[in-house]
Amino acid sequence: MSSQSWRPSATIETLKARAAFMSAIRQFFEQRNVLEVETPLLARSGVTDPHLVNFETNLIAPGFAKGQRLFLQTSPEYHMKRLLCAGSGAIFQLARSFRNEENGRIHNPEFTMLEWYRPGFNQQQLMDEVEALMMLLLNCNSAARISYQQVFIQQLALDPLQCSHAQLFEVACSHGLAEAASDSDRDTLLQLLFSCLIEPKIGQQRPCFVYDFPASQAALAKLNPNDERVAHRFEVYYQGVELANGFDELQDAQQQRQRFEQDNQQRSQMGIQQQSIDTHLIAALAHGLPQCSGVAMGVDRLFMLQQQTQTLSQAMSFGIDNA
């Protein structure tokens, strides 16, 4: 261990800038009458998404003599939706979030998520607000917008909604991705091609929204009524970094339960442990979620771009390497 390993991973000047950055986010939402909320970091349910891994712990306390398994939350989404169902109106949160098996130049297993929900907004209106926030924080140009289908056709001459598994595999092999593509299902191949071949080419000069993702990749979003092959989900990219993931939120409790069950079926097929379904969320949706759109943004990544640091850890007080 280095004698200097105690030092923060960001400079003190950077941390002062981060404080101003966080203040600007809060002012942005205060001016729009969006309520700031706080929700639990620990809960009895994790996520069923097979591509996310919760940290787990065990509660030993009065009333829990036999122990209670708890999960650090990968995002505040489920609890915030319960607040919406209880009548909160528009809400936002700057939440500590946790994802196991994630670490690298633009990943840290503990990070800050900005998440907000807008009753009455559709995904296009929410994209407008995301764009306004990014222009304020990053001093960037207005964003480009392109559908998931269009960006695949533009970049790879491939229609992701109609092409076969064999065609996807062939394109992956032709770009040197054969090893990563082997034994992959259709959605994994699409995600591989998108992350390796499309993401690096979009949003370089100005942010780029990609919207209407395949329905199979949007477990918490409404389907597009004009084309049920796709769902009202968007992501935004800038300078090679994925910054946000948003949805026109699914309101149907029964449909949401079915999607969680499908996640668990996929987990079984992948040989990973199934997760219990968050019955509190299902009960809240059954009570009634107002029509709304919501989005989650990586605050550390946003700040990293503003400060032009090389790594995420340089944009936070302590990265995991010296936490």
Protein backbone atom coordinates (compact mmCIF):
# COMPACT_ATOMS: atom_id res chain seq x y z
CA MET A 1 0.00 0.00 0.00
CA SER A 2 1.36 3.40 -1.01
CA SER A 3 2.01 5.99 1.69
CA GLN A 4 -0.18 8.32 -0.40
CA SER A 5 -3.14 5.92 -0.77
CA TRP A 6 -5.07 7.81 1.93
CA ARG A 7 -5.47 10.81 -0.37
CA PRO A 8 -8.76 11.52 -2.16
CA SER A 9 -8.99 10.47 -5.79
CA ALA A 10 -10.23 13.95 -6.79
CA THR A 11 -8.49 17.23 -6.07
CA ILE A 12 -9.99 19.60 -3.51
CA GLU A 13 -10.63 22.12 -6.28
CA THR A 14 -12.57 19.46 -8.20
CA LEU A 15 -14.65 18.69 -5.10
CA LYS A 16 -15.49 22.39 -4.74
CA ALA A 17 -16.64 22.37 -8.36
CA ARG A 18 -18.68 19.24 -7.64
CA ALA A 19 -20.49 20.97 -4.78
CA ALA A 20 -21.47 23.81 -7.15
CA PHE A 21 -22.51 21.21 -9.75
CA MET A 22 -24.84 19.48 -7.27
CA SER A 23 -26.27 22.84 -6.22
CA ALA A 24 -27.01 23.70 -9.87
CA ILE A 25 -28.94 20.44 -10.28
CA ARG A 26 -31.06 21.19 -7.23
CA GLN A 27 -31.75 24.74 -8.43
CA PHE A 28 -32.78 23.39 -11.85
CA PHE A 29 -35.52 21.25 -10.29
CA GLU A 30 -36.52 23.80 -7.65
CA GLN A 31 -37.24 26.31 -10.43
CA ARG A 32 -39.52 23.69 -12.04
CA ASN A 33 -41.34 22.84 -8.79
CA VAL A 34 -40.06 19.26 -8.74
CA LEU A 35 -39.91 17.93 -5.17
CA GLU A 36 -36.64 16.48 -3.85
CA VAL A 37 -37.14 13.16 -2.03
CA GLU A 38 -35.04 10.53 -0.26
CA THR A 39 -35.71 6.79 -0.36
CA PRO A 40 -34.06 3.76 1.30
CA LEU A 41 -30.71 2.43 0.19
CA LEU A 42 -31.59 -0.94 1.76
CA ALA A 43 -34.69 -2.95 0.83
CA ARG A 44 -36.00 -6.51 1.02
CA SER A 45 -36.07 -6.88 -2.77
CA GLY A 46 -33.33 -6.52 -5.32
CA VAL A 47 -33.74 -6.33 -9.10
CA THR A 48 -34.71 -9.16 -11.43
CA ASP A 49 -32.82 -7.62 -14.38
CA PRO A 50 -30.33 -10.37 -15.32
CA HIS A 51 -27.71 -7.79 -16.29
CA LEU A 52 -27.62 -6.13 -12.84
CA VAL A 53 -26.15 -7.55 -9.63
CA ASN A 54 -27.18 -6.27 -6.19
CA PHE A 55 -24.92 -6.11 -3.16
CA GLU A 56 -26.49 -8.03 -0.28
CA THR A 57 -26.30 -7.80 3.51
CA ASN A 58 -28.11 -9.33 6.49
CA LEU A 59 -30.03 -7.42 9.17
CA ILE A 60 -29.79 -8.71 12.75
CA ALA A 61 -31.92 -6.52 15.03
CA PRO A 62 -34.92 -6.60 17.39
CA GLY A 63 -37.75 -8.17 15.44
CA PHE A 64 -35.27 -9.81 13.05
CA ALA A 65 -33.60 -12.35 15.34
CA LYS A 66 -33.37 -14.88 12.51
CA GLY A 67 -31.92 -12.26 10.20
CA GLN A 68 -33.40 -10.42 7.24
CA ARG A 69 -31.73 -10.46 3.83
CA LEU A 70 -31.45 -6.93 2.45
CA PHE A 71 -30.25 -5.50 -0.85
CA LEU A 72 -28.42 -2.26 -1.55
CA GLN A 73 -30.45 -0.61 -4.30
CA THR A 74 -29.14 -0.38 -7.88
CA SER A 75 -31.33 2.71 -8.31
CA PRO A 76 -34.10 4.45 -6.34
CA GLU A 77 -36.69 3.63 -9.01
CA TYR A 78 -39.02 1.22 -7.20
CA HIS A 79 -39.36 3.37 -4.08
CA MET A 80 -39.84 6.55 -6.13
CA LYS A 81 -42.65 4.89 -8.06
CA ARG A 82 -44.30 3.98 -4.76
CA LEU A 83 -44.18 7.68 -3.84
CA LEU A 84 -45.75 8.57 -7.20
CA CYS A 85 -48.54 6.06 -6.55
CA ALA A 86 -49.10 7.74 -3.15
CA GLY A 87 -49.64 11.11 -4.86
CA SER A 88 -46.23 12.81 -4.60
CA GLY A 89 -46.42 14.56 -7.96
CA ALA A 90 -43.19 15.38 -9.83
CA ILE A 91 -40.13 14.21 -7.84
CA PHE A 92 -36.35 13.97 -8.15
CA GLN A 93 -33.57 12.41 -6.11
CA LEU A 94 -29.77 12.50 -5.92
CA ALA A 95 -29.31 8.94 -4.67
CA ARG A 96 -26.35 6.78 -3.77
CA SER A 97 -26.71 3.62 -5.84
CA PHE A 98 -24.80 0.33 -5.84
CA ARG A 99 -24.05 -2.22 -8.55
CA ASN A 100 -21.86 -5.23 -7.99
CA GLU A 101 -19.46 -6.45 -10.69
CA GLU A 102 -19.04 -2.92 -12.10
CA ASN A 103 -15.69 -1.12 -11.96
CA GLY A 104 -13.51 0.67 -14.50
CA ARG A 105 -12.72 3.98 -16.16
CA ILE A 106 -16.40 5.08 -16.23
CA HIS A 107 -17.78 2.66 -13.60
CA ASN A 108 -17.63 2.55 -9.81
CA PRO A 109 -19.64 0.06 -7.72
CA GLU A 110 -20.96 2.95 -5.58
CA PHE A 111 -22.11 6.03 -7.47
CA THR A 112 -24.57 8.93 -7.48
CA MET A 113 -27.73 8.64 -9.54
CA LEU A 114 -29.97 11.54 -10.47
CA GLU A 115 -33.45 10.16 -11.05
CA TRP A 116 -36.64 12.07 -11.69
CA TYR A 117 -40.26 11.45 -12.68
CA ARG A 118 -42.66 13.75 -14.48
CA PRO A 119 -46.40 12.95 -14.32
CA GLY A 120 -48.07 14.01 -17.57
CA PHE A 121 -44.83 13.93 -19.61
CA ASN A 122 -44.20 11.58 -22.53
CA GLN A 123 -40.68 10.46 -23.45
CA GLN A 124 -40.19 13.31 -25.96
CA GLN A 125 -41.07 15.94 -23.32
CA LEU A 126 -38.72 14.31 -20.85
CA MET A 127 -35.95 14.29 -23.47
CA ASP A 128 -36.50 18.04 -23.80
CA GLU A 129 -35.89 18.43 -20.05
CA VAL A 130 -32.84 16.14 -20.05
CA GLU A 131 -31.45 18.21 -22.91
CA ALA A 132 -32.04 21.48 -21.00
CA LEU A 133 -30.22 20.11 -17.94
CA MET A 134 -27.26 18.91 -20.01
CA MET A 135 -26.96 22.24 -21.81
CA LEU A 136 -26.94 23.99 -18.41
CA LEU A 137 -24.37 21.69 -16.78
CA LEU A 138 -22.10 20.90 -19.72
CA ASN A 139 -22.52 24.03 -21.84
CA CYS A 140 -23.08 21.70 -24.81
CA ASN A 141 -25.09 22.11 -28.01
CA SER A 142 -28.65 20.86 -28.39
CA ALA A 143 -28.97 17.11 -28.89
CA ALA A 144 -29.55 14.97 -31.95
CA ARG A 145 -32.39 12.39 -31.82
CA ILE A 146 -32.57 9.10 -33.71
CA SER A 147 -34.52 5.89 -33.23
CA TYR A 148 -32.78 2.61 -32.30
CA GLN A 149 -33.85 1.15 -35.63
CA GLN A 150 -32.56 4.14 -37.61
CA VAL A 151 -29.17 4.22 -35.91
CA PHE A 152 -28.56 0.52 -36.65
CA ILE A 153 -29.49 1.04 -40.30
CA GLN A 154 -27.33 4.18 -40.49
CA GLN A 155 -24.24 2.71 -38.82
CA LEU A 156 -24.40 -1.01 -39.69
CA ALA A 157 -26.86 -1.23 -42.63
CA LEU A 158 -28.85 -3.65 -40.48
CA ASP A 159 -32.48 -3.50 -39.34
CA PRO A 160 -32.43 -4.63 -35.68
CA LEU A 161 -36.18 -5.26 -35.63
CA GLN A 162 -36.21 -7.62 -38.62
CA CYS A 163 -32.76 -9.20 -39.02
CA SER A 164 -32.11 -12.80 -37.99
CA HIS A 165 -29.88 -14.07 -35.18
CA ALA A 166 -27.53 -15.41 -37.90
CA GLN A 167 -27.23 -11.95 -39.50
CA LEU A 168 -26.40 -10.36 -36.14
CA PHE A 169 -23.75 -13.01 -35.47
CA GLU A 170 -22.27 -12.51 -38.95
CA VAL A 171 -21.91 -8.75 -38.40
CA ALA A 172 -20.31 -9.35 -34.98
CA CYS A 173 -17.79 -11.78 -36.49
CA SER A 174 -16.96 -9.40 -39.34
CA HIS A 175 -15.97 -6.78 -36.73
CA GLY A 176 -13.78 -9.09 -34.67
CA LEU A 177 -16.40 -9.83 -32.00
CA ALA A 178 -16.81 -13.56 -32.65
CA GLU A 179 -15.60 -14.66 -29.22
CA ALA A 180 -17.90 -12.27 -27.35
CA ALA A 181 -20.81 -13.14 -29.65
CA SER A 182 -20.60 -16.92 -29.34
CA ASP A 183 -23.53 -18.53 -27.45
CA SER A 184 -25.24 -15.12 -27.15
CA ASP A 185 -28.99 -14.71 -27.50
CA ARG A 186 -30.50 -12.11 -29.83
CA ASP A 187 -30.72 -9.29 -27.29
CA THR A 188 -27.18 -9.86 -26.06
CA LEU A 189 -25.94 -9.69 -29.65
CA LEU A 190 -27.86 -6.45 -30.23
CA GLN A 191 -26.39 -4.96 -27.07
CA LEU A 192 -22.90 -6.11 -28.07
CA LEU A 193 -23.15 -4.49 -31.51
CA PHE A 194 -24.69 -1.34 -30.07
CA SER A 195 -22.08 -0.86 -27.33
CA CYS A 196 -19.02 -1.79 -29.42
CA LEU A 197 -19.88 -0.48 -32.89
CA ILE A 198 -22.53 2.23 -32.53
CA GLU A 199 -21.97 4.00 -29.18
CA PRO A 200 -18.41 5.14 -30.08
CA LYS A 201 -19.72 6.83 -33.26
CA ILE A 202 -22.66 8.81 -31.90
CA GLY A 203 -22.91 11.88 -29.67
CA GLN A 204 -19.36 13.07 -30.21
CA GLN A 205 -19.93 16.72 -31.16
CA ARG A 206 -23.28 17.08 -29.39
CA PRO A 207 -25.40 14.76 -27.23
CA CYS A 208 -27.43 12.10 -29.03
CA PHE A 209 -30.72 10.59 -27.87
CA VAL A 210 -31.51 7.09 -29.09
CA TYR A 211 -35.18 6.22 -28.56
CA ASP A 212 -37.69 3.39 -29.15
CA PHE A 213 -35.52 0.49 -28.02
CA PRO A 214 -36.68 -3.09 -28.71
CA ALA A 215 -39.51 -4.12 -26.37
CA SER A 216 -37.37 -6.99 -25.06
CA GLN A 217 -34.85 -4.43 -23.73
CA ALA A 218 -37.31 -2.23 -21.85
CA ALA A 219 -38.77 -4.14 -18.92
CA LEU A 220 -40.16 -1.03 -17.19
CA ALA A 221 -41.42 0.92 -20.21
CA LYS A 222 -44.69 1.12 -22.12
CA LEU A 223 -44.82 -0.44 -25.57
CA ASN A 224 -45.21 1.86 -28.56
CA PRO A 225 -48.92 1.49 -29.50
CA ASN A 226 -48.05 2.02 -33.19
CA ASP A 227 -45.32 -0.64 -33.22
CA GLU A 228 -45.25 -3.09 -30.32
CA ARG A 229 -41.83 -4.38 -31.39
CA VAL A 230 -40.44 -1.30 -29.63
CA ALA A 231 -40.97 0.40 -26.27
CA HIS A 232 -40.89 4.04 -25.19
CA ARG A 233 -37.36 3.91 -23.81
CA PHE A 234 -34.50 6.31 -24.58
CA GLU A 235 -30.82 6.67 -23.76
CA VAL A 236 -28.52 9.65 -24.23
CA TYR A 237 -24.84 9.53 -25.22
CA TYR A 238 -22.18 12.22 -25.27
CA GLN A 239 -18.48 12.02 -26.02
CA GLY A 240 -18.45 8.23 -25.84
CA VAL A 241 -20.30 8.00 -22.51
CA GLU A 242 -23.82 6.70 -21.83
CA LEU A 243 -25.38 9.27 -19.50
CA ALA A 244 -29.07 8.49 -19.05
CA ASN A 245 -31.78 5.89 -19.45
CA GLY A 246 -35.43 6.97 -19.57
CA PHE A 247 -38.89 5.47 -19.99
CA ASP A 248 -42.51 6.26 -20.58
CA GLU A 249 -43.33 4.29 -17.45
CA LEU A 250 -45.36 1.09 -17.48
CA GLN A 251 -48.50 1.46 -15.32
CA ASP A 252 -49.99 -2.05 -15.57
CA ALA A 253 -49.24 -4.09 -12.42
CA GLN A 254 -50.03 -7.47 -14.01
CA GLN A 255 -47.87 -6.74 -17.04
CA GLN A 256 -45.04 -5.58 -14.75
CA ARG A 257 -45.21 -8.82 -12.74
CA GLN A 258 -45.09 -10.84 -15.99
CA ARG A 259 -41.98 -8.95 -17.10
CA PHE A 260 -40.27 -9.60 -13.76
CA GLU A 261 -41.15 -13.30 -14.12
CA GLN A 262 -39.66 -13.29 -17.64
CA ASP A 263 -36.48 -11.76 -16.17
CA ASN A 264 -36.28 -14.65 -13.71
CA GLN A 265 -36.81 -17.19 -16.50
CA GLN A 266 -33.90 -15.60 -18.35
CA ARG A 267 -31.82 -15.75 -15.16
CA SER A 268 -32.48 -19.50 -14.95
CA GLN A 269 -31.47 -19.94 -18.58
CA MET A 270 -28.24 -18.01 -17.88
CA GLY A 271 -27.52 -20.14 -14.81
CA ILE A 272 -27.80 -17.28 -12.32
CA GLN A 273 -29.93 -17.05 -9.19
CA GLN A 274 -33.50 -15.82 -9.50
CA GLN A 275 -34.53 -12.76 -7.47
CA SER A 276 -37.71 -12.24 -5.48
CA ILE A 277 -40.19 -9.89 -7.12
CA ASP A 278 -40.77 -6.57 -5.34
CA THR A 279 -44.37 -7.10 -4.24
CA HIS A 280 -44.53 -3.60 -2.71
CA LEU A 281 -43.99 -2.13 -6.18
CA ILE A 282 -46.60 -4.43 -7.75
CA ALA A 283 -49.12 -3.44 -5.05
CA ALA A 284 -48.37 0.25 -5.63
CA LEU A 285 -48.88 -0.13 -9.40
CA ALA A 286 -52.18 -1.93 -8.72
CA HIS A 287 -53.24 1.05 -6.58
CA GLY A 288 -52.41 3.32 -9.51
CA LEU A 289 -49.33 4.96 -11.05
CA PRO A 290 -50.11 8.24 -12.83
CA GLN A 291 -49.10 8.44 -16.47
CA CYS A 292 -45.51 9.66 -16.28
CA SER A 293 -42.05 9.46 -17.74
CA GLY A 294 -38.89 8.95 -15.69
CA VAL A 295 -35.15 9.02 -16.26
CA ALA A 296 -31.96 8.06 -14.41
CA MET A 297 -28.70 9.96 -15.08
CA GLY A 298 -25.21 9.16 -13.88
CA VAL A 299 -24.13 12.26 -11.94
CA ASP A 300 -20.48 11.23 -11.67
CA ARG A 301 -20.30 10.69 -15.44
CA LEU A 302 -21.93 14.07 -16.10
CA PHE A 303 -19.46 15.77 -13.78
CA MET A 304 -16.56 13.82 -15.29
CA LEU A 305 -17.46 15.26 -18.70
CA GLN A 306 -17.84 18.77 -17.29
CA GLN A 307 -14.41 18.61 -15.64
CA GLN A 308 -12.83 16.63 -18.50
CA THR A 309 -11.26 14.10 -16.13
CA GLN A 310 -9.90 10.85 -17.55
CA THR A 311 -11.59 8.54 -15.05
CA LEU A 312 -14.74 8.49 -12.95
CA SER A 313 -12.74 8.21 -9.72
CA GLN A 314 -11.14 11.61 -10.46
CA ALA A 315 -14.66 13.09 -10.35
CA MET A 316 -15.51 11.78 -6.86
CA SER A 317 -13.86 12.08 -3.48
CA PHE A 318 -12.80 8.42 -3.26
CA GLY A 319 -13.08 5.74 -5.93
CA ILE A 320 -13.35 2.11 -4.90
CA ASP A 321 -9.58 1.58 -5.25
CA ASN A 322 -8.88 3.67 -2.16
CA ALA A 323 -12.30 3.80 -0.49
